[in-house]
């Protein structure tokens, strides 16, 4: 959610500065949101092997030597 809000605010600023039309704004907004969601999904997918889901203590959420 914060990604979408920051993205739309920055894109709205760019649209005013560069005088985008409404169709261009919607096209750019959908494109950047889809790219951002894809990158976040890739990052989560790559971090799954190092997740330790059987922890009781928050200090033991990741495996030793991983980060």
N, C-alpha and C. Protein backbone atom coordinates (compact mmCIF):
# COMPACT_ATOMS: atom_id res chain seq x y z
N UNK A 1 0.81 -1.19 0.00
CA UNK A 1 0.00 0.00 0.00
C UNK A 1 0.86 1.27 0.00
N UNK A 2 1.90 1.37 0.83
CA UNK A 2 2.73 2.58 0.77
C UNK A 2 3.39 2.74 -0.60
N UNK A 3 3.75 1.63 -1.24
CA UNK A 3 4.35 1.71 -2.57
C UNK A 3 3.38 2.37 -3.54
N UNK A 4 2.12 1.97 -3.51
CA UNK A 4 1.13 2.51 -4.43
C UNK A 4 0.90 4.00 -4.18
N UNK A 5 0.85 4.39 -2.92
CA UNK A 5 0.61 5.80 -2.60
C UNK A 5 1.79 6.66 -3.04
N UNK A 6 3.00 6.24 -2.71
CA UNK A 6 4.19 7.00 -3.11
C UNK A 6 4.31 7.04 -4.63
N UNK A 7 4.04 5.92 -5.27
CA UNK A 7 4.11 5.85 -6.73
C UNK A 7 3.13 6.84 -7.36
N UNK A 8 1.89 6.85 -6.90
CA UNK A 8 0.89 7.73 -7.49
C UNK A 8 1.18 9.20 -7.20
N UNK A 9 1.71 9.51 -6.03
CA UNK A 9 2.06 10.90 -5.72
C UNK A 9 3.19 11.38 -6.63
N UNK A 10 4.24 10.56 -6.76
CA UNK A 10 5.35 10.95 -7.63
C UNK A 10 4.93 11.02 -9.09
N UNK A 11 4.08 10.10 -9.51
CA UNK A 11 3.60 10.11 -10.88
C UNK A 11 2.69 11.31 -11.14
N UNK A 12 1.89 11.69 -10.16
CA UNK A 12 1.06 12.89 -10.32
C UNK A 12 1.93 14.13 -10.44
N UNK A 13 3.00 14.20 -9.66
CA UNK A 13 3.93 15.33 -9.80
C UNK A 13 4.58 15.36 -11.17
N UNK A 14 4.99 14.20 -11.67
CA UNK A 14 5.58 14.14 -13.01
C UNK A 14 4.56 14.49 -14.07
N UNK A 15 3.30 14.09 -13.86
CA UNK A 15 2.25 14.38 -14.83
C UNK A 15 1.98 15.88 -14.92
N UNK A 16 2.01 16.55 -13.79
CA UNK A 16 1.81 18.01 -13.80
C UNK A 16 3.00 18.70 -14.43
N UNK A 17 4.19 18.24 -14.07
CA UNK A 17 5.41 18.86 -14.58
C UNK A 17 5.57 18.66 -16.08
N UNK A 18 5.31 17.44 -16.56
CA UNK A 18 5.48 17.12 -17.98
C UNK A 18 4.19 17.27 -18.78
N UNK A 19 3.10 17.66 -18.14
CA UNK A 19 1.79 17.89 -18.77
C UNK A 19 1.27 16.65 -19.49
N UNK A 20 1.20 15.53 -18.75
CA UNK A 20 0.64 14.30 -19.29
C UNK A 20 -0.86 14.46 -19.49
N UNK A 21 -1.39 13.72 -20.44
CA UNK A 21 -2.83 13.61 -20.57
C UNK A 21 -3.34 12.57 -19.59
N UNK A 22 -4.65 12.48 -19.45
CA UNK A 22 -5.24 11.54 -18.50
C UNK A 22 -4.95 10.09 -18.91
N UNK A 23 -5.04 9.80 -20.20
CA UNK A 23 -4.78 8.44 -20.67
C UNK A 23 -3.32 8.04 -20.42
N UNK A 24 -2.40 8.96 -20.64
CA UNK A 24 -0.99 8.69 -20.39
C UNK A 24 -0.73 8.46 -18.90
N UNK A 25 -1.39 9.24 -18.06
CA UNK A 25 -1.23 9.08 -16.62
C UNK A 25 -1.72 7.70 -16.17
N UNK A 26 -2.88 7.28 -16.65
CA UNK A 26 -3.42 5.97 -16.28
C UNK A 26 -2.52 4.86 -16.79
N UNK A 27 -2.04 4.98 -18.02
CA UNK A 27 -1.15 3.98 -18.61
C UNK A 27 0.15 3.86 -17.79
N UNK A 28 0.74 4.99 -17.46
CA UNK A 28 1.99 4.97 -16.67
C UNK A 28 1.74 4.45 -15.26
N UNK A 29 0.62 4.83 -14.66
CA UNK A 29 0.31 4.36 -13.31
C UNK A 29 0.14 2.85 -13.29
N UNK A 30 -0.62 2.30 -14.22
CA UNK A 30 -0.80 0.85 -14.25
C UNK A 30 0.51 0.13 -14.52
N UNK A 31 1.31 0.68 -15.43
CA UNK A 31 2.59 0.05 -15.75
C UNK A 31 3.54 0.03 -14.58
N UNK A 32 3.69 1.16 -13.91
CA UNK A 32 4.63 1.21 -12.78
C UNK A 32 4.13 0.40 -11.59
N UNK A 33 2.81 0.38 -11.37
CA UNK A 33 2.28 -0.43 -10.27
C UNK A 33 2.47 -1.92 -10.54
N UNK A 34 2.24 -2.35 -11.77
CA UNK A 34 2.45 -3.77 -12.10
C UNK A 34 3.92 -4.15 -12.00
N UNK A 35 4.81 -3.29 -12.46
CA UNK A 35 6.24 -3.58 -12.33
C UNK A 35 6.66 -3.65 -10.87
N UNK A 36 6.17 -2.73 -10.05
CA UNK A 36 6.51 -2.74 -8.63
C UNK A 36 6.00 -3.96 -7.91
N UNK A 37 4.77 -4.37 -8.22
CA UNK A 37 4.21 -5.58 -7.60
C UNK A 37 5.02 -6.80 -8.03
N UNK A 38 5.43 -6.85 -9.28
CA UNK A 38 6.24 -7.96 -9.76
C UNK A 38 7.59 -8.03 -9.06
N UNK A 39 8.22 -6.89 -8.86
CA UNK A 39 9.51 -6.87 -8.18
C UNK A 39 9.35 -7.27 -6.71
N UNK A 40 8.28 -6.80 -6.05
CA UNK A 40 8.06 -7.20 -4.66
C UNK A 40 7.79 -8.70 -4.56
N UNK A 41 7.03 -9.25 -5.51
CA UNK A 41 6.77 -10.70 -5.50
C UNK A 41 8.06 -11.48 -5.70
N UNK A 42 8.92 -11.00 -6.58
CA UNK A 42 10.20 -11.66 -6.80
C UNK A 42 11.06 -11.62 -5.54
N UNK A 43 11.10 -10.49 -4.87
CA UNK A 43 11.89 -10.38 -3.63
C UNK A 43 11.36 -11.31 -2.54
N UNK A 44 10.05 -11.37 -2.39
CA UNK A 44 9.47 -12.27 -1.39
C UNK A 44 9.74 -13.72 -1.76
N UNK A 45 9.61 -14.04 -3.03
CA UNK A 45 9.86 -15.41 -3.48
C UNK A 45 11.30 -15.84 -3.27
N UNK A 46 12.23 -14.93 -3.47
CA UNK A 46 13.64 -15.27 -3.27
C UNK A 46 14.02 -15.36 -1.79
N UNK A 47 13.26 -14.73 -0.92
CA UNK A 47 13.59 -14.76 0.51
C UNK A 47 12.97 -15.94 1.24
N UNK A 48 12.05 -16.64 0.61
CA UNK A 48 11.36 -17.76 1.28
C UNK A 48 12.31 -18.86 1.74
N UNK A 49 13.32 -19.27 0.96
CA UNK A 49 14.18 -20.36 1.44
C UNK A 49 14.91 -20.04 2.75
N UNK A 50 15.11 -18.79 3.06
CA UNK A 50 15.83 -18.42 4.28
C UNK A 50 14.90 -18.12 5.45
N UNK A 51 13.61 -18.15 5.21
CA UNK A 51 12.66 -17.88 6.30
C UNK A 51 12.61 -19.08 7.24
N UNK A 52 12.54 -18.78 8.48
CA UNK A 52 12.44 -19.84 9.49
C UNK A 52 11.09 -19.67 10.18
N UNK A 53 10.17 -20.55 9.89
CA UNK A 53 8.79 -20.36 10.33
C UNK A 53 8.46 -21.08 11.63
N UNK A 54 9.42 -21.73 12.24
CA UNK A 54 9.16 -22.45 13.49
C UNK A 54 9.76 -21.74 14.71
N UNK A 55 9.81 -20.44 14.69
CA UNK A 55 10.45 -19.70 15.76
C UNK A 55 9.43 -19.31 16.83
N UNK A 56 9.91 -19.18 18.06
CA UNK A 56 9.11 -18.67 19.16
C UNK A 56 9.63 -17.32 19.63
N UNK A 57 10.90 -17.10 19.43
CA UNK A 57 11.56 -15.86 19.83
C UNK A 57 11.80 -15.02 18.57
N UNK A 58 11.34 -13.77 18.52
CA UNK A 58 11.52 -12.95 17.33
C UNK A 58 12.98 -12.76 16.90
N UNK A 59 13.92 -12.95 17.83
CA UNK A 59 15.32 -12.82 17.47
C UNK A 59 15.81 -14.01 16.65
N UNK A 60 15.02 -15.05 16.54
CA UNK A 60 15.42 -16.26 15.82
C UNK A 60 14.60 -16.44 14.53
N UNK A 61 14.18 -15.36 13.92
CA UNK A 61 13.35 -15.45 12.72
C UNK A 61 14.13 -15.90 11.50
N UNK A 62 15.43 -15.64 11.45
CA UNK A 62 16.21 -16.04 10.28
C UNK A 62 17.29 -17.03 10.70
N UNK A 63 17.80 -17.73 9.74
CA UNK A 63 18.83 -18.74 10.00
C UNK A 63 20.17 -18.05 10.27
N UNK A 64 21.01 -18.71 11.02
CA UNK A 64 22.32 -18.16 11.35
C UNK A 64 23.18 -18.07 10.10
N UNK A 65 23.91 -16.98 9.98
CA UNK A 65 24.83 -16.81 8.87
C UNK A 65 24.19 -16.36 7.57
N UNK A 66 22.92 -16.01 7.58
CA UNK A 66 22.25 -15.60 6.34
C UNK A 66 22.25 -14.09 6.20
N UNK A 67 22.24 -13.35 7.23
CA UNK A 67 22.16 -11.91 7.04
C UNK A 67 22.88 -11.19 8.05
